[in-house]
Amino acid sequence: MCCVVFPPLFSIFAFATCGGYTGQLRVSVDCIEKASSNLSIGIDFGYPFRLHQVSFEAPMCEAMRRERVFLIGDYSSSAEFFVTIAVFAFLYSLMATFIYVFFLNKYHENSRAPLIDFVVTVVFSFLWLVSSSAWAKALSDVKLATDPDEVQLLISACKDQTNKCGSVHGPRWSGLNTSVVVYNKRRSRGCTLTPIQIINC
């Protein structure tokens, strides 16, 4: 199998798993005044992970009062950069495959084409490395910011030890983990992201 086959697949996995992600966590607030309690507070978030814009209502455990709580962090720049590079890499890989299938002879006749292809491939590979590294770090921060134990610290009622707060369930990360794992597997195979030259893996 040639590396020219893998880049479109890797890029599809990258922008599909990251760009299409939605997650949910749930926490509980058990007040001394049971009527004020909410044992299943759902918090939804997703791409592009502007968590500071994600809010939810939580009981204040004071005479049925409620407060609006916002998550912390904005990781949209890393996520959008990663998805953008993946989309362009996918389109470029398709174009490269089309050229090899239908215009291979003309490609070899043009002495400048291999050099241009090489330069573009190096640029894409570098951008892929940078964006993937940034996204891997951002994903770690997103996991921390949406950890139910960390979210509880944002709720005023949970700061009062007389109230009991807990985690119902955390987000599922299998999709986002896939985007990082696919990148690492691509590197381990030694394939460039958008190869124009056919190189046997």
C-alpha atoms as a PDB file:
ATOM      1  CA  MET A   1       0.000   0.000   0.000  1.00  0.00           C
ATOM      2  CA  CYS A   2       1.320   3.422  -0.869  1.00  0.00           C
ATOM      3  CA  CYS A   3       1.328   6.520   1.269  1.00  0.00           C
ATOM      4  CA  VAL A   4      -0.729   8.307  -1.331  1.00  0.00           C
ATOM      5  CA  VAL A   5      -3.704   6.201  -0.201  1.00  0.00           C
ATOM      6  CA  PHE A   6      -3.457   6.934   3.503  1.00  0.00           C
ATOM      7  CA  PRO A   7      -3.416  10.768   3.779  1.00  0.00           C
ATOM      8  CA  PRO A   8      -7.054  11.251   2.658  1.00  0.00           C
ATOM      9  CA  LEU A   9      -8.164   8.613   5.158  1.00  0.00           C
ATOM     10  CA  PHE A  10      -6.142  10.106   8.002  1.00  0.00           C
ATOM     11  CA  SER A  11      -7.378  13.627   7.270  1.00  0.00           C
ATOM     12  CA  ILE A  12     -11.002  12.436   7.118  1.00  0.00           C
ATOM     13  CA  PHE A  13     -10.638  10.836  10.542  1.00  0.00           C
ATOM     14  CA  ALA A  14      -8.977  13.990  11.841  1.00  0.00           C
ATOM     15  CA  PHE A  15     -11.630  16.554  10.894  1.00  0.00           C
ATOM     16  CA  ALA A  16     -14.564  14.168  11.343  1.00  0.00           C
ATOM     17  CA  THR A  17     -13.683  13.085  14.875  1.00  0.00           C
ATOM     18  CA  CYS A  18     -12.728  16.572  16.034  1.00  0.00           C
ATOM     19  CA  GLY A  19     -15.021  18.815  14.008  1.00  0.00           C
ATOM     20  CA  GLY A  20     -18.098  16.703  14.632  1.00  0.00           C
ATOM     21  CA  TYR A  21     -17.619  16.146  18.341  1.00  0.00           C
ATOM     22  CA  THR A  22     -20.288  16.854  20.953  1.00  0.00           C
ATOM     23  CA  GLY A  23     -19.995  15.792  24.558  1.00  0.00           C
ATOM     24  CA  GLN A  24     -21.941  15.929  27.769  1.00  0.00           C
ATOM     25  CA  LEU A  25     -21.185  15.660  31.457  1.00  0.00           C
ATOM     26  CA  ARG A  26     -23.549  15.536  34.388  1.00  0.00           C
ATOM     27  CA  VAL A  27     -23.082  16.610  37.978  1.00  0.00           C
ATOM     28  CA  SER A  28     -25.370  16.532  40.984  1.00  0.00           C
ATOM     29  CA  VAL A  29     -26.026  19.050  43.731  1.00  0.00           C
ATOM     30  CA  ASP A  30     -27.715  17.620  46.809  1.00  0.00           C
ATOM     31  CA  CYS A  31     -28.761  20.482  49.058  1.00  0.00           C
ATOM     32  CA  ILE A  32     -29.727  20.302  52.699  1.00  0.00           C
ATOM     33  CA  GLU A  33     -33.040  21.681  51.545  1.00  0.00           C
ATOM     34  CA  LYS A  34     -33.961  18.726  49.361  1.00  0.00           C
ATOM     35  CA  ALA A  35     -36.454  20.759  47.367  1.00  0.00           C
ATOM     36  CA  SER A  36     -33.583  22.844  45.970  1.00  0.00           C
ATOM     37  CA  SER A  37     -31.479  19.863  44.919  1.00  0.00           C
ATOM     38  CA  ASN A  38     -30.746  18.914  41.328  1.00  0.00           C
ATOM     39  CA  LEU A  39     -29.227  15.457  41.052  1.00  0.00           C
ATOM     40  CA  SER A  40     -28.703  15.508  37.294  1.00  0.00           C
ATOM     41  CA  ILE A  41     -27.381  18.762  35.807  1.00  0.00           C
ATOM     42  CA  GLY A  42     -26.540  18.218  32.145  1.00  0.00           C
ATOM     43  CA  ILE A  43     -23.764  20.268  30.547  1.00  0.00           C
ATOM     44  CA  ASP A  44     -23.370  20.026  26.772  1.00  0.00           C
ATOM     45  CA  PHE A  45     -20.331  21.230  24.840  1.00  0.00           C
ATOM     46  CA  GLY A  46     -18.591  20.520  21.555  1.00  0.00           C
ATOM     47  CA  TYR A  47     -16.439  21.771  18.700  1.00  0.00           C
ATOM     48  CA  PRO A  48     -14.927  24.389  18.524  1.00  0.00           C
ATOM     49  CA  PHE A  49     -14.622  24.142  22.332  1.00  0.00           C
ATOM     50  CA  ARG A  50     -15.327  27.720  23.361  1.00  0.00           C
ATOM     51  CA  LEU A  51     -16.010  26.479  26.851  1.00  0.00           C
ATOM     52  CA  HIS A  52     -16.254  29.974  28.318  1.00  0.00           C
ATOM     53  CA  GLN A  53     -19.490  30.330  26.338  1.00  0.00           C
ATOM     54  CA  VAL A  54     -20.966  27.089  27.714  1.00  0.00           C
ATOM     55  CA  SER A  55     -23.270  27.681  30.664  1.00  0.00           C
ATOM     56  CA  PHE A  56     -25.670  25.761  32.854  1.00  0.00           C
ATOM     57  CA  GLU A  57     -27.986  26.473  35.744  1.00  0.00           C
ATOM     58  CA  ALA A  58     -27.206  25.137  39.198  1.00  0.00           C
ATOM     59  CA  PRO A  59     -29.103  25.438  42.480  1.00  0.00           C
ATOM     60  CA  MET A  60     -27.663  27.765  45.084  1.00  0.00           C
ATOM     61  CA  CYS A  61     -29.340  25.794  47.885  1.00  0.00           C
ATOM     62  CA  GLU A  62     -30.818  29.029  49.192  1.00  0.00           C
ATOM     63  CA  ALA A  63     -34.593  29.340  48.984  1.00  0.00           C
ATOM     64  CA  MET A  64     -34.852  27.773  45.521  1.00  0.00           C
ATOM     65  CA  ARG A  65     -32.449  30.318  44.030  1.00  0.00           C
ATOM     66  CA  ARG A  66     -30.426  29.298  40.988  1.00  0.00           C
ATOM     67  CA  GLU A  67     -27.247  30.615  39.389  1.00  0.00           C
ATOM     68  CA  ARG A  68     -25.835  30.478  35.876  1.00  0.00           C
ATOM     69  CA  VAL A  69     -22.368  28.959  35.789  1.00  0.00           C
ATOM     70  CA  PHE A  70     -19.919  29.141  32.884  1.00  0.00           C
ATOM     71  CA  LEU A  71     -17.160  26.689  32.116  1.00  0.00           C
ATOM     72  CA  ILE A  72     -13.597  27.966  31.833  1.00  0.00           C
ATOM     73  CA  GLY A  73     -11.356  28.088  28.771  1.00  0.00           C
ATOM     74  CA  ASP A  74     -11.343  28.800  25.042  1.00  0.00           C
ATOM     75  CA  TYR A  75      -9.626  26.143  22.932  1.00  0.00           C
ATOM     76  CA  SER A  76     -11.199  27.065  19.613  1.00  0.00           C
ATOM     77  CA  SER A  77      -7.986  28.317  17.996  1.00  0.00           C
ATOM     78  CA  SER A  78      -6.176  24.980  18.334  1.00  0.00           C
ATOM     79  CA  ALA A  79      -9.235  22.947  17.366  1.00  0.00           C
ATOM     80  CA  GLU A  80     -10.104  25.079  14.329  1.00  0.00           C
ATOM     81  CA  PHE A  81      -6.483  25.181  13.187  1.00  0.00           C
ATOM     82  CA  PHE A  82      -6.290  21.385  13.391  1.00  0.00           C
ATOM     83  CA  VAL A  83      -9.545  20.859  11.487  1.00  0.00           C
ATOM     84  CA  THR A  84      -8.656  23.471   8.847  1.00  0.00           C
ATOM     85  CA  ILE A  85      -5.303  21.837   8.101  1.00  0.00           C
ATOM     86  CA  ALA A  86      -6.987  18.431   7.959  1.00  0.00           C
ATOM     87  CA  VAL A  87      -9.600  19.663   5.471  1.00  0.00           C
ATOM     88  CA  PHE A  88      -7.025  21.288   3.196  1.00  0.00           C
ATOM     89  CA  ALA A  89      -4.814  18.211   3.461  1.00  0.00           C
ATOM     90  CA  PHE A  90      -7.748  16.053   2.411  1.00  0.00           C
ATOM     91  CA  LEU A  91      -8.490  18.230  -0.623  1.00  0.00           C
ATOM     92  CA  TYR A  92      -4.835  18.402  -1.593  1.00  0.00           C
ATOM     93  CA  SER A  93      -4.450  14.639  -1.272  1.00  0.00           C
ATOM     94  CA  LEU A  94      -7.440  14.082  -3.535  1.00  0.00           C
ATOM     95  CA  MET A  95      -5.973  16.458  -6.100  1.00  0.00           C
ATOM     96  CA  ALA A  96      -2.622  14.670  -5.910  1.00  0.00           C
ATOM     97  CA  THR A  97      -4.281  11.286  -6.361  1.00  0.00           C
ATOM     98  CA  PHE A  98      -6.221  12.595  -9.356  1.00  0.00           C
ATOM     99  CA  ILE A  99      -3.011  13.862 -10.969  1.00  0.00           C
ATOM    100  CA  TYR A 100      -1.254  10.540 -10.490  1.00  0.00           C
ATOM    101  CA  VAL A 101      -4.135   8.554 -11.883  1.00  0.00           C
ATOM    102  CA  PHE A 102      -4.903  10.665 -14.952  1.00  0.00           C
ATOM    103  CA  PHE A 103      -1.872  12.894 -15.628  1.00  0.00           C
ATOM    104  CA  LEU A 104       1.137  10.913 -14.491  1.00  0.00           C
ATOM    105  CA  ASN A 105       2.925  11.156 -17.847  1.00  0.00           C
ATOM    106  CA  LYS A 106       2.524  14.928 -18.035  1.00  0.00           C
ATOM    107  CA  TYR A 107       3.675  15.190 -14.447  1.00  0.00           C
ATOM    108  CA  HIS A 108       6.972  13.448 -15.277  1.00  0.00           C
ATOM    109  CA  GLU A 109       7.432  15.590 -18.382  1.00  0.00           C
ATOM    110  CA  ASN A 110       7.399  18.787 -16.312  1.00  0.00           C
ATOM    111  CA  SER A 111      10.734  19.162 -14.533  1.00  0.00           C
ATOM    112  CA  ARG A 112       9.410  21.747 -12.063  1.00  0.00           C
ATOM    113  CA  ALA A 113       6.414  19.702 -10.927  1.00  0.00           C
ATOM    114  CA  PRO A 114       8.327  17.355  -8.581  1.00  0.00           C
ATOM    115  CA  LEU A 115      10.032  20.281  -6.869  1.00  0.00           C
ATOM    116  CA  ILE A 116       6.768  22.160  -6.388  1.00  0.00           C
ATOM    117  CA  ASP A 117       5.136  19.014  -5.089  1.00  0.00           C
ATOM    118  CA  PHE A 118       7.957  18.419  -2.665  1.00  0.00           C
ATOM    119  CA  VAL A 119       7.802  21.959  -1.269  1.00  0.00           C
ATOM    120  CA  VAL A 120       4.019  21.857  -0.841  1.00  0.00           C
ATOM    121  CA  THR A 121       4.260  18.447   0.821  1.00  0.00           C
ATOM    122  CA  VAL A 122       6.892  19.672   3.276  1.00  0.00           C
ATOM    123  CA  VAL A 123       4.773  22.713   4.133  1.00  0.00           C
ATOM    124  CA  PHE A 124       1.683  20.601   4.734  1.00  0.00           C
ATOM    125  CA  SER A 125       3.649  18.113   6.811  1.00  0.00           C
ATOM    126  CA  PHE A 126       5.016  20.916   8.989  1.00  0.00           C
ATOM    127  CA  LEU A 127       1.574  22.480   9.434  1.00  0.00           C
ATOM    128  CA  TRP A 128       0.138  19.080  10.271  1.00  0.00           C
ATOM    129  CA  LEU A 129       2.809  18.543  12.907  1.00  0.00           C
ATOM    130  CA  VAL A 130       2.210  21.962  14.468  1.00  0.00           C
ATOM    131  CA  SER A 131      -1.584  21.747  14.411  1.00  0.00           C
ATOM    132  CA  SER A 132      -1.637  18.197  15.775  1.00  0.00           C
ATOM    133  CA  SER A 133       0.726  19.073  18.606  1.00  0.00           C
ATOM    134  CA  ALA A 134      -1.360  22.121  19.488  1.00  0.00           C
ATOM    135  CA  TRP A 135      -4.563  20.095  19.366  1.00  0.00           C
ATOM    136  CA  ALA A 136      -3.110  17.314  21.551  1.00  0.00           C
ATOM    137  CA  LYS A 137      -2.276  19.916  24.219  1.00  0.00           C
ATOM    138  CA  ALA A 138      -5.675  21.595  23.856  1.00  0.00           C
ATOM    139  CA  LEU A 139      -7.455  18.248  24.158  1.00  0.00           C
ATOM    140  CA  SER A 140      -5.679  17.609  27.448  1.00  0.00           C
ATOM    141  CA  ASP A 141      -6.834  21.015  28.693  1.00  0.00           C
ATOM    142  CA  VAL A 142     -10.407  20.411  27.494  1.00  0.00           C
ATOM    143  CA  LYS A 143     -10.516  17.127  29.404  1.00  0.00           C
ATOM    144  CA  LEU A 144      -9.395  18.895  32.558  1.00  0.00           C
ATOM    145  CA  ALA A 145     -11.833  21.787  32.131  1.00  0.00           C
ATOM    146  CA  THR A 146     -14.776  19.412  31.640  1.00  0.00           C
ATOM    147  CA  ASP A 147     -13.845  16.980  34.384  1.00  0.00           C
ATOM    148  CA  PRO A 148     -16.964  16.759  36.593  1.00  0.00           C
ATOM    149  CA  ASP A 149     -14.824  17.104  39.718  1.00  0.00           C
ATOM    150  CA  GLU A 150     -13.391  20.365  38.366  1.00  0.00           C
ATOM    151  CA  VAL A 151     -16.780  21.658  37.234  1.00  0.00           C
ATOM    152  CA  GLN A 152     -18.175  21.161  40.729  1.00  0.00           C
ATOM    153  CA  LEU A 153     -15.658  23.698  42.016  1.00  0.00           C
ATOM    154  CA  LEU A 154     -17.376  26.360  39.875  1.00  0.00           C
ATOM    155  CA  ILE A 155     -20.732  25.867  41.618  1.00  0.00           C
ATOM    156  CA  SER A 156     -21.281  28.094  44.642  1.00  0.00           C
ATOM    157  CA  ALA A 157     -23.364  25.524  46.514  1.00  0.00           C
ATOM    158  CA  CYS A 158     -20.566  22.962  46.231  1.00  0.00           C
ATOM    159  CA  LYS A 159     -18.257  25.253  48.205  1.00  0.00           C
ATOM    160  CA  ASP A 160     -20.500  24.760  51.234  1.00  0.00           C
ATOM    161  CA  GLN A 161     -19.582  21.488  52.892  1.00  0.00           C
ATOM    162  CA  THR A 162     -23.120  21.043  54.168  1.00  0.00           C
ATOM    163  CA  ASN A 163     -24.202  20.384  50.581  1.00  0.00           C
ATOM    164  CA  LYS A 164     -23.146  17.290  48.682  1.00  0.00           C
ATOM    165  CA  CYS A 165     -21.971  17.492  45.087  1.00  0.00           C
ATOM    166  CA  GLY A 166     -21.015  14.576  42.920  1.00  0.00           C
ATOM    167  CA  SER A 167     -20.303  13.352  39.419  1.00  0.00           C
ATOM    168  CA  VAL A 168     -23.048  11.514  37.543  1.00  0.00           C
ATOM    169  CA  HIS A 169     -20.943  10.819  34.455  1.00  0.00           C
ATOM    170  CA  GLY A 170     -18.163  12.437  32.461  1.00  0.00           C
ATOM    171  CA  PRO A 171     -17.822  13.062  28.722  1.00  0.00           C
ATOM    172  CA  ARG A 172     -16.912  10.258  26.347  1.00  0.00           C
ATOM    173  CA  TRP A 173     -13.554  10.941  24.750  1.00  0.00           C
ATOM    174  CA  SER A 174     -13.207   8.011  22.339  1.00  0.00           C
ATOM    175  CA  GLY A 175     -13.862  10.177  19.271  1.00  0.00           C
ATOM    176  CA  LEU A 176     -11.405  12.912  20.174  1.00  0.00           C
ATOM    177  CA  ASN A 177      -8.815  10.384  21.327  1.00  0.00           C
ATOM    178  CA  THR A 178      -9.055   8.843  17.864  1.00  0.00           C
ATOM    179  CA  SER A 179      -8.005  12.101  16.222  1.00  0.00           C
ATOM    180  CA  VAL A 180      -4.802  12.128  18.272  1.00  0.00           C
ATOM    181  CA  VAL A 181      -4.128   8.389  17.892  1.00  0.00           C
ATOM    182  CA  VAL A 182      -4.568   8.548  14.103  1.00  0.00           C
ATOM    183  CA  TYR A 183      -1.980  11.306  13.948  1.00  0.00           C
ATOM    184  CA  ASN A 184       0.525   9.287  15.983  1.00  0.00           C
ATOM    185  CA  LYS A 185      -0.026   6.189  13.837  1.00  0.00           C
ATOM    186  CA  ARG A 186       0.548   8.265  10.717  1.00  0.00           C
ATOM    187  CA  ARG A 187       3.863   9.444  12.087  1.00  0.00           C
ATOM    188  CA  SER A 188       4.915   5.914  13.092  1.00  0.00           C
ATOM    189  CA  ARG A 189       4.390   4.715   9.506  1.00  0.00           C
ATOM    190  CA  GLY A 190       6.705   7.416   8.220  1.00  0.00           C
ATOM    191  CA  CYS A 191       4.179   8.755   5.719  1.00  0.00           C
ATOM    192  CA  THR A 192       3.852  12.405   4.880  1.00  0.00           C
ATOM    193  CA  LEU A 193       0.421  13.922   5.185  1.00  0.00           C
ATOM    194  CA  THR A 194       0.017  15.058   1.613  1.00  0.00           C
ATOM    195  CA  PRO A 195       2.535  13.163  -0.458  1.00  0.00           C
ATOM    196  CA  ILE A 196       2.643  13.950  -4.115  1.00  0.00           C
ATOM    197  CA  GLN A 197       5.355  11.430  -4.725  1.00  0.00           C
ATOM    198  CA  ILE A 198       4.434   7.775  -4.382  1.00  0.00           C
ATOM    199  CA  ILE A 199       6.560   6.301  -1.612  1.00  0.00           C
ATOM    200  CA  ASN A 200       6.187   2.717  -0.491  1.00  0.00           C
ATOM    201  CA  CYS A 201       5.514   2.434   3.225  1.00  0.00           C
END
